[in-house]
Protein backbone atom coordinates (compact mmCIF):
# COMPACT_ATOMS: atom_id res chain seq x y z
CA MET A 1 11.54 282.64 249.50
CA ASP A 2 9.39 280.77 252.04
CA LEU A 3 6.76 283.52 251.84
CA ARG A 4 6.67 283.27 248.05
CA GLN A 5 6.40 279.49 248.23
CA SER A 6 3.53 279.77 250.73
CA SER A 7 1.74 282.26 248.48
CA VAL A 8 2.07 279.92 245.50
CA LYS A 9 0.73 276.99 247.54
CA ALA A 10 -2.21 279.09 248.78
CA LEU A 11 -3.02 280.18 245.23
CA VAL A 12 -2.89 276.60 243.94
CA CYS A 13 -5.10 275.41 246.82
CA ILE A 14 -7.72 278.07 246.03
CA LEU A 15 -7.70 277.24 242.32
CA ILE A 16 -7.99 273.51 243.01
CA VAL A 17 -10.93 274.07 245.39
CA LEU A 18 -12.66 276.17 242.71
CA PHE A 19 -11.93 273.47 240.16
CA GLY A 20 -13.26 270.74 242.46
CA THR A 21 -16.57 272.52 243.08
CA GLY A 22 -17.46 271.97 239.42
CA SER A 23 -17.47 268.18 239.84
CA TRP A 24 -21.12 267.70 240.88
CA VAL A 25 -22.40 271.20 241.66
CA ALA A 26 -24.79 271.27 238.68
CA ILE A 27 -26.76 268.08 239.36
CA ASN A 28 -26.62 268.65 243.12
CA GLY A 29 -28.03 272.12 242.45
CA ILE A 30 -30.81 270.74 240.26
CA TRP A 31 -31.66 268.19 242.94
CA VAL A 32 -32.09 270.70 245.77
CA GLU A 33 -34.08 273.00 243.47
CA LEU A 34 -36.71 270.32 242.76
CA PRO A 35 -39.03 271.35 245.65
CA LEU A 36 -39.33 274.89 244.29
CA LEU A 37 -39.79 273.65 240.72
CA VAL A 38 -42.64 271.44 241.92
CA ALA A 39 -44.13 274.42 243.76
CA GLN A 40 -43.84 276.44 240.55
CA GLY A 41 -46.06 273.89 238.79
CA ILE A 42 -43.55 272.18 236.49
CA PRO A 43 -45.51 269.68 234.33
CA GLU A 44 -43.81 266.52 235.68
CA GLY A 45 -44.79 267.56 239.20
CA TYR A 46 -43.79 265.16 241.96
CA GLY A 47 -42.55 262.67 239.35
CA LEU A 48 -39.77 265.03 238.24
CA ALA A 49 -37.24 263.32 240.52
CA SER A 50 -37.66 259.98 238.71
CA TYR A 51 -36.97 261.73 235.38
CA ILE A 52 -33.75 263.24 236.79
CA ILE A 53 -32.64 259.82 238.06
CA ILE A 54 -33.11 258.09 234.71
CA ILE A 55 -31.46 261.02 232.89
CA THR A 56 -28.41 260.70 235.15
CA GLN A 57 -28.10 257.02 234.26
CA ILE A 58 -28.27 257.80 230.53
CA ALA A 59 -25.53 260.38 231.07
CA ASN A 60 -23.11 257.62 232.06
CA LEU A 61 -22.45 257.30 228.33
CA GLY A 62 -20.09 260.25 228.89
CA PRO A 63 -17.60 258.43 231.12
CA LEU A 64 -17.97 255.31 228.97
CA LEU A 65 -16.91 257.24 225.86
CA PHE A 66 -14.01 258.80 227.77
CA THR A 67 -12.83 255.38 228.95
CA VAL A 68 -13.05 253.84 225.47
CA ALA A 69 -11.27 256.81 223.87
CA ASN A 70 -8.61 256.65 226.56
CA TYR A 71 -8.04 252.95 225.86
CA PHE A 72 -7.43 253.48 222.14
CA THR A 73 -5.33 256.63 222.55
CA PRO A 74 -1.52 256.44 222.71
CA LYS A 75 -0.27 256.45 226.29
CA ASP A 76 1.63 259.71 225.87
CA VAL A 77 -1.60 261.55 224.91
CA LYS A 78 -3.48 262.90 227.91
CA LEU A 79 -7.18 263.20 227.18
CA GLU A 80 -8.21 264.59 230.54
CA VAL A 81 -7.20 268.19 229.79
CA PRO A 82 -9.25 268.68 226.58
CA THR A 83 -12.08 266.67 228.15
CA VAL A 84 -12.23 268.92 231.21
CA TYR A 85 -12.14 272.02 229.02
CA LEU A 86 -15.04 270.60 227.02
CA ILE A 87 -17.28 269.55 229.91
CA THR A 88 -16.70 272.62 232.09
CA THR A 89 -17.47 274.87 229.12
CA LEU A 90 -20.60 272.83 228.39
CA GLY A 91 -21.49 273.11 232.08
CA TRP A 92 -21.50 276.89 232.41
CA ILE A 93 -23.18 277.36 229.01
CA THR A 94 -25.95 274.91 230.00
CA CYS A 95 -26.50 276.59 233.37
CA LEU A 96 -26.81 279.94 231.59
CA LEU A 97 -29.38 278.46 229.19
CA LEU A 98 -31.38 277.14 232.15
CA VAL A 99 -31.92 280.72 233.32
CA PHE A 100 -33.94 281.42 230.17
CA PHE A 101 -35.42 278.07 229.15
CA TRP A 102 -36.22 276.09 232.32
CA ASP A 103 -39.95 276.88 232.03
CA LYS A 104 -40.36 276.35 228.27
CA TYR A 105 -42.78 273.46 227.79
CA THR A 106 -43.83 271.29 224.84
CA VAL A 107 -46.47 268.58 224.32
CA TRP A 108 -45.51 264.90 224.09
CA ALA A 109 -48.21 262.33 223.39
CA GLY A 110 -50.87 264.80 224.39
CA GLU A 111 -49.19 265.75 227.69
CA LEU A 112 -47.25 268.84 228.68
CA HIS A 113 -43.55 268.31 229.47
CA SER A 114 -40.64 270.56 230.39
CA THR A 115 -38.62 269.48 227.35
CA ALA A 116 -35.95 272.18 227.45
CA PHE A 117 -35.34 271.66 231.17
CA LEU A 118 -34.93 267.87 230.78
CA ILE A 119 -32.57 268.21 227.80
CA LEU A 120 -30.42 270.73 229.67
CA CYS A 121 -30.43 268.46 232.73
CA LEU A 122 -29.12 265.65 230.51
CA CYS A 123 -26.26 267.91 229.41
CA LEU A 124 -25.41 268.74 233.02
CA ALA A 125 -25.58 265.07 233.99
CA VAL A 126 -23.10 264.23 231.21
CA VAL A 127 -20.82 266.99 232.54
CA ASP A 128 -20.93 265.73 236.13
CA CYS A 129 -20.69 262.01 235.33
CA THR A 130 -17.72 262.60 233.02
CA SER A 131 -16.02 264.72 235.68
CA SER A 132 -15.75 261.59 237.83
CA VAL A 133 -13.32 260.01 235.35
CA SER A 134 -11.52 263.12 234.07
CA PHE A 135 -10.99 265.41 237.08
CA THR A 136 -8.98 262.99 239.24
CA PRO A 137 -6.54 261.98 236.45
CA PHE A 138 -5.81 265.69 235.98
CA MET A 139 -5.09 265.97 239.72
CA ALA A 140 -2.46 263.23 239.41
CA ARG A 141 -0.01 265.78 238.02
CA PHE A 142 -0.03 267.71 241.32
CA LYS A 143 1.70 266.86 244.58
CA SER A 144 -0.32 264.51 246.77
CA ILE A 145 -1.16 267.18 249.36
CA TYR A 146 -3.36 268.97 246.83
CA LEU A 147 -5.66 265.99 246.38
CA THR A 148 -7.17 266.78 249.78
CA TRP A 149 -8.04 270.29 248.57
CA TYR A 150 -9.68 268.83 245.49
CA PHE A 151 -11.93 266.72 247.72
CA VAL A 152 -12.72 269.85 249.76
CA GLY A 153 -13.93 271.45 246.55
CA GLU A 154 -15.89 268.33 245.65
CA GLY A 155 -17.59 268.48 249.05
CA MET A 156 -18.46 272.12 248.45
CA SER A 157 -20.32 271.04 245.31
CA SER A 158 -22.91 269.48 247.62
CA LEU A 159 -22.75 271.97 250.47
CA LEU A 160 -23.06 275.29 248.64
CA PRO A 161 -26.17 274.51 246.53
CA GLY A 162 -27.86 273.16 249.64
CA ILE A 163 -27.18 276.32 251.63
CA VAL A 164 -28.38 278.57 248.79
CA ALA A 165 -31.55 276.47 248.37
CA LEU A 166 -32.26 276.75 252.10
CA ILE A 167 -31.89 280.52 251.90
CA GLN A 168 -34.12 280.58 248.83
CA GLY A 169 -36.90 278.51 250.38
CA VAL A 170 -40.10 277.51 248.61
CA GLY A 171 -42.20 280.37 249.94
CA GLY A 172 -44.00 278.24 252.51
CA ASP A 173 -47.25 276.39 252.03
CA GLY A 174 -50.20 278.03 250.32
CA ILE A 175 -52.66 280.19 252.21
CA CYS A 176 -56.37 280.63 251.62
CA VAL A 177 -57.55 284.12 250.64
CA ALA A 178 -60.90 285.56 249.59
CA ASN A 179 -61.09 285.98 245.83
CA TYR A 180 -64.43 287.85 245.83
CA THR A 181 -67.74 287.97 247.71
CA TYR A 182 -71.29 287.89 246.38
CA THR A 183 -74.89 287.64 247.56
CA ASN A 184 -76.84 284.50 246.74
CA PHE A 185 -80.65 284.53 246.77
CA THR A 186 -82.14 281.04 247.17
CA GLY A 187 -85.91 280.92 247.71
CA ASN A 188 -86.69 282.96 250.79
CA GLU A 189 -83.11 282.82 252.04
CA THR A 190 -80.35 285.31 251.32
CA TYR A 191 -76.72 284.18 251.65
CA GLN A 192 -73.49 286.10 251.81
CA CYS A 193 -70.93 283.98 249.97
CA THR A 194 -67.18 284.11 249.47
CA ASP A 195 -65.15 282.51 246.73
CA TRP A 196 -61.92 281.28 248.28
CA MET A 197 -58.66 280.67 246.43
CA ALA A 198 -55.29 279.21 247.36
CA GLU A 199 -52.35 281.58 247.11
CA ASN A 200 -48.73 280.49 247.27
CA LYS A 201 -46.17 282.72 248.90
CA PRO A 202 -43.22 283.41 246.60
CA ALA A 203 -39.73 282.15 247.40
CA ARG A 204 -37.07 284.70 248.35
CA PHE A 205 -35.80 284.46 244.79
CA GLY A 206 -36.84 282.40 241.79
CA PRO A 207 -35.34 279.48 239.85
CA GLU A 208 -33.78 281.92 237.39
CA GLU A 209 -31.56 283.41 240.10
CA PHE A 210 -30.67 279.95 241.41
CA PHE A 211 -29.61 278.76 237.96
CA LEU A 212 -27.59 281.96 237.64
CA PHE A 213 -25.80 280.93 240.84
CA LEU A 214 -25.04 277.53 239.27
CA PHE A 215 -23.71 279.33 236.19
CA VAL A 216 -21.34 281.37 238.37
CA MET A 217 -20.15 278.23 240.17
CA MET A 218 -19.48 276.37 236.91
CA PHE A 219 -17.73 279.37 235.39
CA LEU A 220 -15.51 279.68 238.48
CA SER A 221 -14.65 275.98 238.14
CA PHE A 222 -13.79 276.50 234.46
CA SER A 223 -11.70 279.57 235.36
CA GLY A 224 -9.87 277.68 238.10
CA PHE A 225 -9.02 274.88 235.68
CA LEU A 226 -7.88 277.37 233.03
CA LEU A 227 -5.53 279.11 235.47
CA LEU A 228 -4.18 275.78 236.72
CA ASN A 229 -3.10 275.08 233.14
CA VAL A 230 -1.73 278.47 232.06
CA LEU A 231 -0.09 279.99 235.17
CA PRO A 232 3.66 279.24 235.19
CA VAL A 233 3.87 279.28 239.01
CA VAL A 234 1.35 276.43 239.20
CA LYS A 235 3.75 274.13 237.37
CA THR A 236 6.16 274.35 240.32
CA GLN A 237 3.62 272.29 242.28
CA HIS A 238 3.56 269.45 239.75
CA VAL A 239 5.12 266.10 240.53
CA GLN A 240 7.85 264.91 238.20
CA ASP A 241 6.88 262.33 235.59
CA ALA A 242 3.17 262.63 236.36
CA PRO A 243 1.33 259.54 235.13
CA SER A 244 -0.77 259.72 232.00
CA SER A 245 -4.53 259.52 231.95
CA ALA A 246 -4.30 255.99 230.62
CA SER A 247 -2.64 254.86 233.83
CA VAL A 248 -4.72 256.96 236.21
CA ALA A 249 -8.39 256.12 236.12
CA THR A 250 -8.46 256.81 239.84
CA THR A 251 -5.92 257.85 242.44
CA SER A 252 -5.51 254.16 243.17
CA SER A 253 -3.58 253.63 239.92
CA LEU A 254 -0.34 254.79 241.52
CA SER A 255 1.98 251.92 242.34
CA SER A 256 2.07 250.68 245.91
CA ASN A 257 5.54 252.13 246.54
CA GLU A 258 4.56 255.52 245.08
CA SER A 259 1.37 255.66 247.12
CA HIS A 260 3.10 254.95 250.41
CA ASN A 261 5.98 257.26 249.56
CA MET A 262 3.60 260.14 248.84
CA LEU A 263 1.64 259.44 252.01
CA VAL A 264 4.63 259.19 254.31
CA THR A 265 6.49 262.23 252.98
CA SER A 266 3.42 264.45 253.10
CA ILE A 267 2.55 263.88 256.77
CA LYS A 268 2.52 267.32 258.40
CA GLY A 269 5.12 268.46 255.87
CA GLU A 270 7.90 266.90 257.97
CA ASP A 271 11.21 265.82 256.47
CA ILE A 272 11.70 262.07 256.66
CA SER A 273 14.94 260.34 255.92
CA PRO A 274 15.14 257.94 252.95
CA GLU A 275 15.85 255.10 255.38
CA ASP A 276 12.63 255.84 257.29
CA VAL A 277 10.68 256.01 254.06
CA GLU A 278 12.14 252.71 252.85
CA GLN A 279 11.34 251.02 256.16
CA THR A 280 7.81 252.41 256.20
CA VAL A 281 7.16 251.25 252.64
CA GLU A 282 8.55 247.82 253.45
CA ASP A 283 6.34 247.52 256.54
CA ALA A 284 3.30 248.68 254.63
CA ASN A 285 3.90 246.26 251.77
CA THR A 286 4.42 243.41 254.24
CA GLN A 287 1.07 244.18 255.85
CA GLN A 288 -0.64 244.08 252.46
CA ILE A 289 0.73 240.75 251.27
CA LYS A 290 -2.29 238.93 252.68
CA GLY A 291 -5.57 239.94 251.13
CA ARG A 292 -9.07 239.32 252.40
CA PRO A 293 -10.90 236.06 251.69
CA PHE A 294 -12.94 235.95 248.48
CA GLU A 295 -16.17 235.72 250.50
CA HIS A 296 -15.49 239.14 252.01
CA PHE A 297 -15.37 240.75 248.58
CA VAL A 298 -18.59 239.00 247.54
CA TYR A 299 -20.25 240.41 250.64
CA LEU A 300 -18.89 243.92 250.06
CA PHE A 301 -19.94 244.00 246.41
CA ILE A 302 -23.44 242.69 247.17
CA VAL A 303 -23.86 245.38 249.82
CA LEU A 304 -22.44 247.98 247.42
CA GLY A 305 -24.85 246.98 244.64
CA VAL A 306 -27.91 247.04 246.90
CA VAL A 307 -26.91 250.33 248.51
CA ASN A 308 -26.39 252.02 245.14
CA ALA A 309 -29.67 250.66 243.77
CA LEU A 310 -31.43 252.18 246.77
CA SER A 311 -29.48 255.43 247.15
CA ASN A 312 -29.04 256.33 243.47
CA GLY A 313 -32.15 254.83 241.90
CA ILE A 314 -35.05 253.70 244.05
CA LEU A 315 -35.25 256.08 247.00
CA PRO A 316 -34.46 259.42 245.28
CA SER A 317 -37.29 258.72 242.83
CA ILE A 318 -39.88 258.78 245.62
CA GLN A 319 -38.44 261.44 247.93
CA SER A 320 -40.86 264.03 246.57
CA TYR A 321 -43.84 261.82 247.46
CA SER A 322 -42.41 261.01 250.89
CA ALA A 323 -41.36 264.42 252.22
CA GLY A 324 -43.71 266.35 249.94
CA ALA A 325 -46.65 264.56 251.55
CA TYR A 326 -46.17 266.81 254.58
CA SER A 327 -45.40 270.08 252.81
CA LEU A 328 -43.13 271.52 250.14
CA THR A 329 -41.08 273.14 252.90
CA THR A 330 -40.52 269.70 254.44
CA TYR A 331 -39.49 268.40 251.02
CA LEU A 332 -37.00 271.27 250.72
CA TYR A 333 -35.41 270.43 254.09
CA ALA A 334 -35.25 266.72 253.25
CA ALA A 335 -33.58 267.36 249.88
CA THR A 336 -31.09 269.99 251.02
CA LEU A 337 -30.09 268.61 254.42
CA GLY A 338 -29.81 265.13 252.93
CA ASN A 339 -27.54 266.51 250.23
CA ILE A 340 -25.36 268.19 252.85
CA ALA A 341 -25.12 264.90 254.79
CA ASN A 342 -23.19 263.34 251.89
CA PRO A 343 -19.87 265.24 252.25
CA ILE A 344 -20.13 265.05 256.05
CA ALA A 345 -20.37 261.24 255.93
CA CYS A 346 -17.44 261.00 253.51
CA PHE A 347 -15.40 263.35 255.71
CA ALA A 348 -16.10 261.07 258.69
CA VAL A 349 -14.58 258.15 256.76
CA MET A 350 -11.49 260.25 256.00
CA LEU A 351 -11.07 261.13 259.68
CA MET A 352 -11.82 257.70 261.18
CA PRO A 353 -11.67 254.98 258.51
CA GLN A 354 -12.98 251.55 259.47
CA GLU A 355 -12.10 248.12 258.07
CA SER A 356 -14.77 246.12 259.89
CA LEU A 357 -17.36 244.35 257.74
CA VAL A 358 -19.73 244.64 260.68
CA VAL A 359 -19.53 248.44 260.48
CA VAL A 360 -20.35 248.24 256.77
CA GLY A 361 -23.37 246.05 257.50
CA VAL A 362 -24.62 248.23 260.35
CA ALA A 363 -24.31 251.41 258.29
CA ALA A 364 -26.08 249.80 255.32
CA GLY A 365 -28.79 248.47 257.63
CA GLY A 366 -29.33 251.91 259.14
CA GLY A 367 -29.79 253.37 255.68
CA MET A 368 -32.23 250.61 254.73
CA LEU A 369 -34.34 251.18 257.85
CA ALA A 370 -34.51 254.91 257.14
CA GLY A 371 -35.27 254.14 253.49
CA ALA A 372 -38.10 251.81 254.51
CA TYR A 373 -39.68 254.68 256.43
CA GLY A 374 -39.28 256.88 253.36
CA LEU A 375 -41.00 254.26 251.19
CA TRP A 376 -43.84 253.95 253.71
CA THR A 377 -44.48 257.68 253.80
CA ALA A 378 -44.28 257.86 249.99
CA ALA A 379 -46.77 255.02 249.50
CA SER A 380 -49.16 256.70 251.97
CA SER A 381 -48.58 260.20 250.59
CA LEU A 382 -52.30 261.07 250.64
CA ASN A 383 -52.46 260.30 254.36
CA PRO A 384 -48.90 260.04 255.74
CA PRO A 385 -48.16 259.08 259.36
CA LEU A 386 -48.28 261.95 261.87
CA GLU A 387 -49.44 264.29 259.11
CA ASP A 388 -50.87 266.89 261.48
CA HIS A 389 -48.01 266.79 263.99
CA VAL A 390 -44.68 268.56 263.80
CA MET A 391 -43.00 265.24 264.67
CA GLY A 392 -44.18 263.86 261.35
CA ASN A 393 -42.21 266.55 259.53
CA VAL A 394 -39.18 266.09 261.77
CA LEU A 395 -39.15 262.30 261.39
CA VAL A 396 -39.37 262.29 257.60
CA VAL A 397 -36.58 264.89 257.26
CA PHE A 398 -34.44 262.94 259.73
CA ALA A 399 -35.12 259.72 257.81
CA TRP A 400 -33.86 261.23 254.56
CA ILE A 401 -30.77 262.65 256.26
CA CYS A 402 -30.08 259.14 257.59
CA VAL A 403 -30.65 257.58 254.16
CA VAL A 404 -28.01 259.78 252.53
CA GLY A 405 -25.67 259.80 255.52
CA PHE A 406 -25.63 256.04 256.19
CA PHE A 407 -25.44 255.04 252.53
CA SER A 408 -22.69 257.59 251.76
CA TYR A 409 -20.73 256.30 254.76
CA THR A 410 -21.23 252.71 253.58
CA LYS A 411 -19.99 253.40 250.05
CA ALA A 412 -17.01 255.45 251.23
CA THR A 413 -16.01 252.77 253.76
CA ILE A 414 -16.22 250.00 251.16
CA GLY A 415 -14.07 252.10 248.83
CA TRP A 416 -11.52 252.65 251.60
CA ILE A 417 -11.40 248.93 252.43
CA LEU A 418 -10.80 248.00 248.80
CA ARG A 419 -8.12 250.71 248.57
CA GLN A 420 -6.04 248.85 251.18
CA GLU A 421 -5.92 245.56 249.25
CA PRO A 422 -2.89 244.41 247.21
CA ASN A 423 -4.97 244.18 244.01
CA LYS A 424 -6.69 247.48 244.75
CA ARG A 425 -6.75 248.71 241.15
CA SER A 426 -8.87 245.84 239.83
CA LEU A 427 -11.06 245.93 242.95
CA LEU A 428 -11.73 249.65 242.51
CA ILE A 429 -12.60 249.07 238.86
CA TRP A 430 -15.18 246.55 240.08
CA PHE A 431 -16.27 249.10 242.67
CA GLY A 432 -17.09 251.55 239.88
CA ALA A 433 -18.79 248.90 237.76
CA ILE A 434 -20.98 247.60 240.60
CA THR A 435 -21.87 251.18 241.53
CA GLN A 436 -23.14 251.90 238.01
CA ILE A 437 -24.93 248.54 237.67
CA GLY A 438 -26.71 249.02 240.99
CA SER A 439 -27.67 252.61 240.21
CA LEU A 440 -28.98 251.70 236.75
CA THR A 441 -30.96 248.75 238.11
CA GLY A 442 -32.64 250.91 240.75
CA ALA A 443 -33.49 253.62 238.23
CA LEU A 444 -34.95 251.13 235.72
CA ILE A 445 -37.08 249.55 238.44
CA MET A 446 -38.51 252.79 239.79
CA PHE A 447 -39.07 254.92 236.70
CA PRO A 448 -41.99 252.88 235.28
CA ILE A 449 -43.44 252.35 238.76
CA VAL A 450 -43.46 256.06 239.57
CA THR A 451 -44.47 257.21 236.09
CA PHE A 452 -47.05 254.64 234.98
CA THR A 453 -48.61 253.16 238.13
CA PRO A 454 -50.82 254.71 240.84
CA ILE A 455 -48.73 253.36 243.72
CA PHE A 456 -47.25 256.79 244.47
CA GLN A 457 -49.73 259.64 244.23
CA ALA A 458 -48.92 263.32 244.29
CA PRO A 459 -50.10 264.87 247.55
CA TYR A 460 -52.25 267.95 247.27
CA HIS A 461 -52.70 270.31 250.18
CA ASP A 462 -55.76 272.52 249.73
CA PRO A 463 -55.45 275.38 252.24
CA CYS A 464 -59.09 276.33 251.56
CA GLU A 465 -60.43 272.95 252.65
CA GLY A 466 -62.99 273.43 255.42
CA GLN A 467 -63.64 277.10 254.71
CA VAL A 468 -67.31 278.10 254.92
CA GLN A 469 -68.43 279.34 251.52
CA CYS A 470 -71.86 280.80 252.34
CA LEU A 471 -73.66 282.03 255.46
CA PRO A 472 -77.26 283.21 255.70
CA LEU A 473 -77.56 286.94 256.28
CA ASN A 474 -79.87 286.26 259.24
CA ALA A 475 -77.14 284.23 260.96
CA SER A 476 -76.16 285.23 264.45
CA SER A 477 -73.82 288.17 264.80
CA GLY A 478 -71.11 285.99 266.28
CA SER A 479 -71.24 283.54 263.39
CA LEU A 480 -71.22 286.31 260.80
CA ASN A 481 -68.32 288.09 262.45
CA ALA A 482 -66.39 284.86 262.63
CA TYR A 483 -67.09 284.28 258.92
CA LEU A 484 -65.98 287.77 257.96
CA VAL A 485 -62.71 287.36 259.79
């Protein structure tokens, strides 16, 4: 019996991890694929990141519609299940369409644009944004231990695309090769000339294969969700009287007693007597009677708004100009390793949560310092600091890892602090609202600056710069041999 129960738990864990990977895998995948798309000559070029940022903000209409529909729906009707079916299906269909249409361009206002790619990215952004408000209510029907496995899957949605993008590469920087040679007669002089051309090395596999990988990931997430709904054995892992979607916008919507009860009884799977549980709940509730001063929440929400404006709007819009100023390979490392830093930072908060406002300020300050370096390198993209030194590449990649790592840690810590307060539900609603307001503000500030002003200029690395085009035939043997090589 124990073996059967363990097998059922293992199966449910696997299905929940697969389900969780579909939360943000699509947009995370698009983000780490941007360096290769730029190398492939996509029309938006280095400004593509700012388009993705503004598209993601528009996609927040998805969760807004879900919230409004949830409000007007009877409490016994659970909207999360049909919503998840809808968005996961839309997700894998859209990823499949990307395989065939990512490089189909049209002309807007006399300029070439990747219309199909941007429309499909909007669909994926709607999928991922809506998953934030529909996936966790669905998880409320399972025992509390499975929520950890959902977050493991959510972390994999950042980790796996980053690893695949690193394996894929961008093919390295261009090399200069001889296109053809010819003889030029000028007056009494005869010159041997070479026409040089830049040639880009191909990546290990193209965008089509990467988007096929995203399709597989989204289809696995859809399949995991389907099996979680139809397999009878999965229902044995449900909690009794699971709350409806109207009462579970986040995991924080459980009552204080229920939250502590679930936490205490799930520690290491040990059996705890009802008296111990009651005492623990009483102690925990006593500790939470006193909330923080109002000024603390003002501070936390100001930091949260600024951090989200920077991390979700301003800085991602110029990452291509910052890291791409050194090379497309450097841009790839900055995008992928920064993306991987996100789940690591959140995992650090889970392991060692902090309540200190000083820690929040220090983490936010660290992200701002790293972001300032990113802005500096982006603004000087035509001549970035330490351009010809390997340390320049290392520093800019490290800066972007710190930007994502520090800001992710800051946001997760603020969320954890608010989660401990007596009025946590209303505070977490404000957490979500401030997050979206900050992100939207940052995106609206940067999109016109990046798109319509010359402040940030696309770097161009000409590998043929400095090559000798013509040499006189009567040049010394050493010079001619050097030229021929």
